[in-house]
Amino acid sequence: APFEAQANGLPVLASKEGVPKEIAVT
């Protein structure tokens, strides 16, 4: 889901503990 959100151009706000740092493509 956060990859698809980034592909749409959206800013993403995620939890540091629960979501892997690898989601940060942009």
mmCIF file of all heavy atoms, coordinates in Angstrom:
data_MODEL
# 
_entry.id   MODEL 
# 
loop_
_atom_site.group_PDB 
_atom_site.id 
_atom_site.type_symbol 
_atom_site.label_atom_id 
_atom_site.label_alt_id 
_atom_site.label_comp_id 
_atom_site.label_asym_id 
_atom_site.label_entity_id 
_atom_site.label_seq_id 
_atom_site.pdbx_PDB_ins_code 
_atom_site.Cartn_x 
_atom_site.Cartn_y 
_atom_site.Cartn_z 
_atom_site.occupancy 
_atom_site.B_iso_or_equiv 
_atom_site.pdbx_formal_charge 
_atom_site.auth_seq_id 
_atom_site.auth_comp_id 
_atom_site.auth_asym_id 
_atom_site.auth_atom_id 
_atom_site.pdbx_PDB_model_num 
ATOM 1   N N   . ALA A 1 1  ? 0.802  -1.233 0.000  1.00 0.00 ? 1  ALA A N   1 
ATOM 2   C CA  . ALA A 1 1  ? 0.000  0.000  0.000  1.00 0.00 ? 1  ALA A CA  1 
ATOM 3   C C   . ALA A 1 1  ? 0.835  1.284  0.000  1.00 0.00 ? 1  ALA A C   1 
ATOM 4   O O   . ALA A 1 1  ? 0.559  2.202  -0.792 1.00 0.00 ? 1  ALA A O   1 
ATOM 5   C CB  . ALA A 1 1  ? -0.973 -0.007 1.172  1.00 0.00 ? 1  ALA A CB  1 
ATOM 6   N N   . PRO A 1 2  ? 1.864  1.415  0.847  1.00 0.00 ? 2  PRO A N   1 
ATOM 7   C CA  . PRO A 1 2  ? 2.635  2.666  0.804  1.00 0.00 ? 2  PRO A CA  1 
ATOM 8   C C   . PRO A 1 2  ? 3.439  2.863  -0.475 1.00 0.00 ? 2  PRO A C   1 
ATOM 9   O O   . PRO A 1 2  ? 3.722  3.993  -0.871 1.00 0.00 ? 2  PRO A O   1 
ATOM 10  C CB  . PRO A 1 2  ? 3.563  2.578  2.025  1.00 0.00 ? 2  PRO A CB  1 
ATOM 11  C CG  . PRO A 1 2  ? 3.504  1.201  2.508  1.00 0.00 ? 2  PRO A CG  1 
ATOM 12  C CD  . PRO A 1 2  ? 2.266  0.566  1.982  1.00 0.00 ? 2  PRO A CD  1 
ATOM 13  N N   . PHE A 1 3  ? 3.792  1.753  -1.158 1.00 0.00 ? 3  PHE A N   1 
ATOM 14  C CA  . PHE A 1 3  ? 4.461  1.888  -2.458 1.00 0.00 ? 3  PHE A CA  1 
ATOM 15  C C   . PHE A 1 3  ? 3.481  2.452  -3.486 1.00 0.00 ? 3  PHE A C   1 
ATOM 16  O O   . PHE A 1 3  ? 3.826  3.332  -4.284 1.00 0.00 ? 3  PHE A O   1 
ATOM 17  C CB  . PHE A 1 3  ? 4.980  0.525  -2.942 1.00 0.00 ? 3  PHE A CB  1 
ATOM 18  C CG  . PHE A 1 3  ? 6.170  0.023  -2.169 1.00 0.00 ? 3  PHE A CG  1 
ATOM 19  C CD1 . PHE A 1 3  ? 6.027  -0.986 -1.232 1.00 0.00 ? 3  PHE A CD1 1 
ATOM 20  C CD2 . PHE A 1 3  ? 7.425  0.562  -2.365 1.00 0.00 ? 3  PHE A CD2 1 
ATOM 21  C CE1 . PHE A 1 3  ? 7.113  -1.456 -0.514 1.00 0.00 ? 3  PHE A CE1 1 
ATOM 22  C CE2 . PHE A 1 3  ? 8.524  0.107  -1.660 1.00 0.00 ? 3  PHE A CE2 1 
ATOM 23  C CZ  . PHE A 1 3  ? 8.367  -0.907 -0.722 1.00 0.00 ? 3  PHE A CZ  1 
ATOM 24  N N   . GLU A 1 4  ? 2.258  1.919  -3.472 1.00 0.00 ? 4  GLU A N   1 
ATOM 25  C CA  . GLU A 1 4  ? 1.236  2.405  -4.404 1.00 0.00 ? 4  GLU A CA  1 
ATOM 26  C C   . GLU A 1 4  ? 0.917  3.870  -4.130 1.00 0.00 ? 4  GLU A C   1 
ATOM 27  O O   . GLU A 1 4  ? 0.709  4.657  -5.065 1.00 0.00 ? 4  GLU A O   1 
ATOM 28  C CB  . GLU A 1 4  ? -0.007 1.531  -4.290 1.00 0.00 ? 4  GLU A CB  1 
ATOM 29  C CG  . GLU A 1 4  ? 0.231  0.127  -4.822 1.00 0.00 ? 4  GLU A CG  1 
ATOM 30  C CD  . GLU A 1 4  ? -0.824 -0.893 -4.430 1.00 0.00 ? 4  GLU A CD  1 
ATOM 31  O OE1 . GLU A 1 4  ? -1.654 -0.590 -3.547 1.00 0.00 ? 4  GLU A OE1 1 
ATOM 32  O OE2 . GLU A 1 4  ? -0.814 -2.006 -4.992 1.00 0.00 ? 4  GLU A OE2 1 
ATOM 33  N N   . ALA A 1 5  ? 0.903  4.250  -2.851 1.00 0.00 ? 5  ALA A N   1 
ATOM 34  C CA  . ALA A 1 5  ? 0.658  5.647  -2.492 1.00 0.00 ? 5  ALA A CA  1 
ATOM 35  C C   . ALA A 1 5  ? 1.765  6.551  -3.037 1.00 0.00 ? 5  ALA A C   1 
ATOM 36  O O   . ALA A 1 5  ? 1.500  7.638  -3.565 1.00 0.00 ? 5  ALA A O   1 
ATOM 37  C CB  . ALA A 1 5  ? 0.556  5.783  -0.970 1.00 0.00 ? 5  ALA A CB  1 
ATOM 38  N N   . GLN A 1 6  ? 3.014  6.088  -2.919 1.00 0.00 ? 6  GLN A N   1 
ATOM 39  C CA  . GLN A 1 6  ? 4.135  6.885  -3.449 1.00 0.00 ? 6  GLN A CA  1 
ATOM 40  C C   . GLN A 1 6  ? 4.077  6.972  -4.972 1.00 0.00 ? 6  GLN A C   1 
ATOM 41  O O   . GLN A 1 6  ? 4.406  8.004  -5.557 1.00 0.00 ? 6  GLN A O   1 
ATOM 42  C CB  . GLN A 1 6  ? 5.468  6.258  -3.026 1.00 0.00 ? 6  GLN A CB  1 
ATOM 43  C CG  . GLN A 1 6  ? 5.771  6.429  -1.540 1.00 0.00 ? 6  GLN A CG  1 
ATOM 44  C CD  . GLN A 1 6  ? 7.009  5.649  -1.138 1.00 0.00 ? 6  GLN A CD  1 
ATOM 45  O OE1 . GLN A 1 6  ? 8.129  6.130  -1.285 1.00 0.00 ? 6  GLN A OE1 1 
ATOM 46  N NE2 . GLN A 1 6  ? 6.807  4.439  -0.637 1.00 0.00 ? 6  GLN A NE2 1 
ATOM 47  N N   . ALA A 1 7  ? 3.668  5.858  -5.612 1.00 0.00 ? 7  ALA A N   1 
ATOM 48  C CA  . ALA A 1 7  ? 3.549  5.882  -7.077 1.00 0.00 ? 7  ALA A CA  1 
ATOM 49  C C   . ALA A 1 7  ? 2.485  6.875  -7.524 1.00 0.00 ? 7  ALA A C   1 
ATOM 50  O O   . ALA A 1 7  ? 2.531  7.396  -8.634 1.00 0.00 ? 7  ALA A O   1 
ATOM 51  C CB  . ALA A 1 7  ? 3.218  4.482  -7.594 1.00 0.00 ? 7  ALA A CB  1 
ATOM 52  N N   . ASN A 1 8  ? 1.520  7.154  -6.648 1.00 0.00 ? 8  ASN A N   1 
ATOM 53  C CA  . ASN A 1 8  ? 0.485  8.147  -6.915 1.00 0.00 ? 8  ASN A CA  1 
ATOM 54  C C   . ASN A 1 8  ? 0.986  9.565  -6.600 1.00 0.00 ? 8  ASN A C   1 
ATOM 55  O O   . ASN A 1 8  ? 0.285  10.543 -6.871 1.00 0.00 ? 8  ASN A O   1 
ATOM 56  C CB  . ASN A 1 8  ? -0.755 7.818  -6.074 1.00 0.00 ? 8  ASN A CB  1 
ATOM 57  C CG  . ASN A 1 8  ? -1.983 8.580  -6.496 1.00 0.00 ? 8  ASN A CG  1 
ATOM 58  O OD1 . ASN A 1 8  ? -2.261 9.646  -5.966 1.00 0.00 ? 8  ASN A OD1 1 
ATOM 59  N ND2 . ASN A 1 8  ? -2.738 8.042  -7.444 1.00 0.00 ? 8  ASN A ND2 1 
ATOM 60  N N   . GLY A 1 9  ? 2.193  9.652  -6.023 1.00 0.00 ? 9  GLY A N   1 
ATOM 61  C CA  . GLY A 1 9  ? 2.782  10.947 -5.702 1.00 0.00 ? 9  GLY A CA  1 
ATOM 62  C C   . GLY A 1 9  ? 2.547  11.417 -4.284 1.00 0.00 ? 9  GLY A C   1 
ATOM 63  O O   . GLY A 1 9  ? 3.027  12.482 -3.879 1.00 0.00 ? 9  GLY A O   1 
ATOM 64  N N   . LEU A 1 10 ? 1.792  10.646 -3.498 1.00 0.00 ? 10 LEU A N   1 
ATOM 65  C CA  . LEU A 1 10 ? 1.371  11.095 -2.168 1.00 0.00 ? 10 LEU A CA  1 
ATOM 66  C C   . LEU A 1 10 ? 2.510  11.163 -1.154 1.00 0.00 ? 10 LEU A C   1 
ATOM 67  O O   . LEU A 1 10 ? 3.402  10.314 -1.162 1.00 0.00 ? 10 LEU A O   1 
ATOM 68  C CB  . LEU A 1 10 ? 0.317  10.134 -1.599 1.00 0.00 ? 10 LEU A CB  1 
ATOM 69  C CG  . LEU A 1 10 ? -1.114 10.296 -2.086 1.00 0.00 ? 10 LEU A CG  1 
ATOM 70  C CD1 . LEU A 1 10 ? -1.934 9.078  -1.693 1.00 0.00 ? 10 LEU A CD1 1 
ATOM 71  C CD2 . LEU A 1 10 ? -1.736 11.570 -1.502 1.00 0.00 ? 10 LEU A CD2 1 
ATOM 72  N N   . PRO A 1 11 ? 2.432  12.149 -0.235 1.00 0.00 ? 11 PRO A N   1 
ATOM 73  C CA  . PRO A 1 11 ? 3.266  12.068 0.965  1.00 0.00 ? 11 PRO A CA  1 
ATOM 74  C C   . PRO A 1 11 ? 2.762  10.908 1.822  1.00 0.00 ? 11 PRO A C   1 
ATOM 75  O O   . PRO A 1 11 ? 1.555  10.646 1.871  1.00 0.00 ? 11 PRO A O   1 
ATOM 76  C CB  . PRO A 1 11 ? 3.020  13.403 1.686  1.00 0.00 ? 11 PRO A CB  1 
ATOM 77  C CG  . PRO A 1 11 ? 2.227  14.249 0.751  1.00 0.00 ? 11 PRO A CG  1 
ATOM 78  C CD  . PRO A 1 11 ? 1.585  13.341 -0.241 1.00 0.00 ? 11 PRO A CD  1 
ATOM 79  N N   . VAL A 1 12 ? 3.683  10.202 2.476  1.00 0.00 ? 12 VAL A N   1 
ATOM 80  C CA  . VAL A 1 12 ? 3.330  9.050  3.318  1.00 0.00 ? 12 VAL A CA  1 
ATOM 81  C C   . VAL A 1 12 ? 3.859  9.305  4.729  1.00 0.00 ? 12 VAL A C   1 
ATOM 82  O O   . VAL A 1 12 ? 5.010  9.711  4.898  1.00 0.00 ? 12 VAL A O   1 
ATOM 83  C CB  . VAL A 1 12 ? 3.946  7.744  2.760  1.00 0.00 ? 12 VAL A CB  1 
ATOM 84  C CG1 . VAL A 1 12 ? 3.703  6.572  3.704  1.00 0.00 ? 12 VAL A CG1 1 
ATOM 85  C CG2 . VAL A 1 12 ? 3.396  7.444  1.371  1.00 0.00 ? 12 VAL A CG2 1 
ATOM 86  N N   . LEU A 1 13 ? 3.009  9.049  5.720  1.00 0.00 ? 13 LEU A N   1 
ATOM 87  C CA  . LEU A 1 13 ? 3.435  9.131  7.118  1.00 0.00 ? 13 LEU A CA  1 
ATOM 88  C C   . LEU A 1 13 ? 3.271  7.743  7.729  1.00 0.00 ? 13 LEU A C   1 
ATOM 89  O O   . LEU A 1 13 ? 2.164  7.199  7.768  1.00 0.00 ? 13 LEU A O   1 
ATOM 90  C CB  . LEU A 1 13 ? 2.598  10.158 7.890  1.00 0.00 ? 13 LEU A CB  1 
ATOM 91  C CG  . LEU A 1 13 ? 2.892  10.265 9.392  1.00 0.00 ? 13 LEU A CG  1 
ATOM 92  C CD1 . LEU A 1 13 ? 4.360  10.634 9.657  1.00 0.00 ? 13 LEU A CD1 1 
ATOM 93  C CD2 . LEU A 1 13 ? 1.968  11.289 10.053 1.00 0.00 ? 13 LEU A CD2 1 
ATOM 94  N N   . ALA A 1 14 ? 4.391  7.154  8.204  1.00 0.00 ? 14 ALA A N   1 
ATOM 95  C CA  . ALA A 1 14 ? 4.379  5.770  8.694  1.00 0.00 ? 14 ALA A CA  1 
ATOM 96  C C   . ALA A 1 14 ? 5.022  5.679  10.075 1.00 0.00 ? 14 ALA A C   1 
ATOM 97  O O   . ALA A 1 14 ? 5.740  6.591  10.507 1.00 0.00 ? 14 ALA A O   1 
ATOM 98  C CB  . ALA A 1 14 ? 5.136  4.881  7.709  1.00 0.00 ? 14 ALA A CB  1 
ATOM 99  N N   . SER A 1 15 ? 4.759  4.562  10.735 1.00 0.00 ? 15 SER A N   1 
ATOM 100 C CA  . SER A 1 15 ? 5.351  4.339  12.060 1.00 0.00 ? 15 SER A CA  1 
ATOM 101 C C   . SER A 1 15 ? 6.788  3.833  11.919 1.00 0.00 ? 15 SER A C   1 
ATOM 102 O O   . SER A 1 15 ? 7.069  2.958  11.102 1.00 0.00 ? 15 SER A O   1 
ATOM 103 C CB  . SER A 1 15 ? 4.521  3.329  12.852 1.00 0.00 ? 15 SER A CB  1 
ATOM 104 O OG  . SER A 1 15 ? 4.427  2.114  12.133 1.00 0.00 ? 15 SER A OG  1 
ATOM 105 N N   . LYS A 1 16 ? 7.649  4.375  12.757 1.00 0.00 ? 16 LYS A N   1 
ATOM 106 C CA  . LYS A 1 16 ? 9.070  4.016  12.712 1.00 0.00 ? 16 LYS A CA  1 
ATOM 107 C C   . LYS A 1 16 ? 9.292  2.577  13.171 1.00 0.00 ? 16 LYS A C   1 
ATOM 108 O O   . LYS A 1 16 ? 10.109 1.851  12.624 1.00 0.00 ? 16 LYS A O   1 
ATOM 109 C CB  . LYS A 1 16 ? 9.848  4.988  13.612 1.00 0.00 ? 16 LYS A CB  1 
ATOM 110 C CG  . LYS A 1 16 ? 11.348 4.913  13.465 1.00 0.00 ? 16 LYS A CG  1 
ATOM 111 C CD  . LYS A 1 16 ? 12.027 6.148  14.031 1.00 0.00 ? 16 LYS A CD  1 
ATOM 112 C CE  . LYS A 1 16 ? 11.823 6.253  15.543 1.00 0.00 ? 16 LYS A CE  1 
ATOM 113 N NZ  . LYS A 1 16 ? 12.554 7.408  16.119 1.00 0.00 ? 16 LYS A NZ  1 
ATOM 114 N N   . GLU A 1 17 ? 8.541  2.155  14.180 1.00 0.00 ? 17 GLU A N   1 
ATOM 115 C CA  . GLU A 1 17 ? 8.748  0.821  14.747 1.00 0.00 ? 17 GLU A CA  1 
ATOM 116 C C   . GLU A 1 17 ? 8.122  -0.277 13.902 1.00 0.00 ? 17 GLU A C   1 
ATOM 117 O O   . GLU A 1 17 ? 8.661  -1.379 13.809 1.00 0.00 ? 17 GLU A O   1 
ATOM 118 C CB  . GLU A 1 17 ? 8.140  0.718  16.166 1.00 0.00 ? 17 GLU A CB  1 
ATOM 119 C CG  . GLU A 1 17 ? 8.765  1.640  17.182 1.00 0.00 ? 17 GLU A CG  1 
ATOM 120 C CD  . GLU A 1 17 ? 8.103  3.010  17.222 1.00 0.00 ? 17 GLU A CD  1 
ATOM 121 O OE1 . GLU A 1 17 ? 7.334  3.355  16.295 1.00 0.00 ? 17 GLU A OE1 1 
ATOM 122 O OE2 . GLU A 1 17 ? 8.353  3.735  18.201 1.00 0.00 ? 17 GLU A OE2 1 
ATOM 123 N N   . GLY A 1 18 ? 6.966  0.004  13.292 1.00 0.00 ? 18 GLY A N   1 
ATOM 124 C CA  . GLY A 1 18 ? 6.199  -1.061 12.652 1.00 0.00 ? 18 GLY A CA  1 
ATOM 125 C C   . GLY A 1 18 ? 6.420  -1.230 11.170 1.00 0.00 ? 18 GLY A C   1 
ATOM 126 O O   . GLY A 1 18 ? 6.173  -2.304 10.622 1.00 0.00 ? 18 GLY A O   1 
ATOM 127 N N   . VAL A 1 19 ? 6.872  -0.177 10.491 1.00 0.00 ? 19 VAL A N   1 
ATOM 128 C CA  . VAL A 1 19 ? 6.958  -0.209 9.023  1.00 0.00 ? 19 VAL A CA  1 
ATOM 129 C C   . VAL A 1 19 ? 8.432  -0.166 8.604  1.00 0.00 ? 19 VAL A C   1 
ATOM 130 O O   . VAL A 1 19 ? 9.163  0.734  9.013  1.00 0.00 ? 19 VAL A O   1 
ATOM 131 C CB  . VAL A 1 19 ? 6.184  0.985  8.411  1.00 0.00 ? 19 VAL A CB  1 
ATOM 132 C CG1 . VAL A 1 19 ? 6.261  0.958  6.890  1.00 0.00 ? 19 VAL A CG1 1 
ATOM 133 C CG2 . VAL A 1 19 ? 4.723  0.958  8.877  1.00 0.00 ? 19 VAL A CG2 1 
ATOM 134 N N   . PRO A 1 20 ? 8.884  -1.137 7.797  1.00 0.00 ? 20 PRO A N   1 
ATOM 135 C CA  . PRO A 1 20 ? 10.301 -1.176 7.417  1.00 0.00 ? 20 PRO A CA  1 
ATOM 136 C C   . PRO A 1 20 ? 10.742 0.068  6.665  1.00 0.00 ? 20 PRO A C   1 
ATOM 137 O O   . PRO A 1 20 ? 9.974  0.632  5.874  1.00 0.00 ? 20 PRO A O   1 
ATOM 138 C CB  . PRO A 1 20 ? 10.404 -2.404 6.507  1.00 0.00 ? 20 PRO A CB  1 
ATOM 139 C CG  . PRO A 1 20 ? 9.152  -3.161 6.693  1.00 0.00 ? 20 PRO A CG  1 
ATOM 140 C CD  . PRO A 1 20 ? 8.112  -2.220 7.190  1.00 0.00 ? 20 PRO A CD  1 
ATOM 141 N N   . LYS A 1 21 ? 11.980 0.452  6.913  1.00 0.00 ? 21 LYS A N   1 
ATOM 142 C CA  . LYS A 1 21 ? 12.541 1.646  6.250  1.00 0.00 ? 21 LYS A CA  1 
ATOM 143 C C   . LYS A 1 21 ? 12.579 1.478  4.728  1.00 0.00 ? 21 LYS A C   1 
ATOM 144 O O   . LYS A 1 21 ? 12.621 2.459  3.983  1.00 0.00 ? 21 LYS A O   1 
ATOM 145 C CB  . LYS A 1 21 ? 13.938 1.947  6.791  1.00 0.00 ? 21 LYS A CB  1 
ATOM 146 C CG  . LYS A 1 21 ? 14.960 0.854  6.517  1.00 0.00 ? 21 LYS A CG  1 
ATOM 147 C CD  . LYS A 1 21 ? 16.302 1.136  7.161  1.00 0.00 ? 21 LYS A CD  1 
ATOM 148 C CE  . LYS A 1 21 ? 17.356 0.093  6.798  1.00 0.00 ? 21 LYS A CE  1 
ATOM 149 N NZ  . LYS A 1 21 ? 17.005 -1.293 7.133  1.00 0.00 ? 21 LYS A NZ  1 
ATOM 150 N N   . GLU A 1 22 ? 12.554 0.202  4.263  1.00 0.00 ? 22 GLU A N   1 
ATOM 151 C CA  . GLU A 1 22 ? 12.626 -0.059 2.820  1.00 0.00 ? 22 GLU A CA  1 
ATOM 152 C C   . GLU A 1 22 ? 11.444 0.515  2.049  1.00 0.00 ? 22 GLU A C   1 
ATOM 153 O O   . GLU A 1 22 ? 11.499 0.603  0.822  1.00 0.00 ? 22 GLU A O   1 
ATOM 154 C CB  . GLU A 1 22 ? 12.687 -1.570 2.541  1.00 0.00 ? 22 GLU A CB  1 
ATOM 155 C CG  . GLU A 1 22 ? 13.998 -2.223 2.916  1.00 0.00 ? 22 GLU A CG  1 
ATOM 156 C CD  . GLU A 1 22 ? 13.977 -2.881 4.292  1.00 0.00 ? 22 GLU A CD  1 
ATOM 157 O OE1 . GLU A 1 22 ? 13.239 -2.378 5.181  1.00 0.00 ? 22 GLU A OE1 1 
ATOM 158 O OE2 . GLU A 1 22 ? 14.690 -3.863 4.496  1.00 0.00 ? 22 GLU A OE2 1 
ATOM 159 N N   . ILE A 1 23 ? 10.357 0.898  2.728  1.00 0.00 ? 23 ILE A N   1 
ATOM 160 C CA  . ILE A 1 23 ? 9.218  1.453  1.970  1.00 0.00 ? 23 ILE A CA  1 
ATOM 161 C C   . ILE A 1 23 ? 9.539  2.819  1.379  1.00 0.00 ? 23 ILE A C   1 
ATOM 162 O O   . ILE A 1 23 ? 8.853  3.280  0.476  1.00 0.00 ? 23 ILE A O   1 
ATOM 163 C CB  . ILE A 1 23 ? 7.918  1.574  2.818  1.00 0.00 ? 23 ILE A CB  1 
ATOM 164 C CG1 . ILE A 1 23 ? 8.057  2.644  3.895  1.00 0.00 ? 23 ILE A CG1 1 
ATOM 165 C CG2 . ILE A 1 23 ? 7.455  0.249  3.352  1.00 0.00 ? 23 ILE A CG2 1 
ATOM 166 C CD1 . ILE A 1 23 ? 6.760  3.311  4.270  1.00 0.00 ? 23 ILE A CD1 1 
ATOM 167 N N   . ALA A 1 24 ? 10.574 3.479  1.882  1.00 0.00 ? 24 ALA A N   1 
ATOM 168 C CA  . ALA A 1 24 ? 10.859 4.858  1.449  1.00 0.00 ? 24 ALA A CA  1 
ATOM 169 C C   . ALA A 1 24 ? 11.575 4.867  0.098  1.00 0.00 ? 24 ALA A C   1 
ATOM 170 O O   . ALA A 1 24 ? 12.797 4.939  0.015  1.00 0.00 ? 24 ALA A O   1 
ATOM 171 C CB  . ALA A 1 24 ? 11.688 5.583  2.505  1.00 0.00 ? 24 ALA A CB  1 
ATOM 172 N N   . VAL A 1 25 ? 10.788 4.796  -0.966 1.00 0.00 ? 25 VAL A N   1 
ATOM 173 C CA  . VAL A 1 25 ? 11.328 4.855  -2.328 1.00 0.00 ? 25 VAL A CA  1 
ATOM 174 C C   . VAL A 1 25 ? 11.545 6.307  -2.734 1.00 0.00 ? 25 VAL A C   1 
ATOM 175 O O   . VAL A 1 25 ? 12.544 6.645  -3.362 1.00 0.00 ? 25 VAL A O   1 
ATOM 176 C CB  . VAL A 1 25 ? 10.362 4.160  -3.313 1.00 0.00 ? 25 VAL A CB  1 
ATOM 177 C CG1 . VAL A 1 25 ? 10.785 4.392  -4.758 1.00 0.00 ? 25 VAL A CG1 1 
ATOM 178 C CG2 . VAL A 1 25 ? 10.311 2.666  -3.027 1.00 0.00 ? 25 VAL A CG2 1 
ATOM 179 N N   . THR A 1 26 ? 10.609 7.172  -2.385 1.00 0.00 ? 26 THR A N   1 
ATOM 180 C CA  . THR A 1 26 ? 10.722 8.607  -2.702 1.00 0.00 ? 26 THR A CA  1 
ATOM 181 C C   . THR A 1 26 ? 11.079 9.376  -1.422 1.00 0.00 ? 26 THR A C   1 
ATOM 182 O O   . THR A 1 26 ? 10.920 8.846  -0.316 1.00 0.00 ? 26 THR A O   1 
ATOM 183 C CB  . THR A 1 26 ? 9.384  9.160  -3.251 1.00 0.00 ? 26 THR A CB  1 
ATOM 184 O OG1 . THR A 1 26 ? 8.455  9.272  -2.162 1.00 0.00 ? 26 THR A OG1 1 
ATOM 185 C CG2 . THR A 1 26 ? 8.809  8.261  -4.339 1.00 0.00 ? 26 THR A CG2 1 
# 
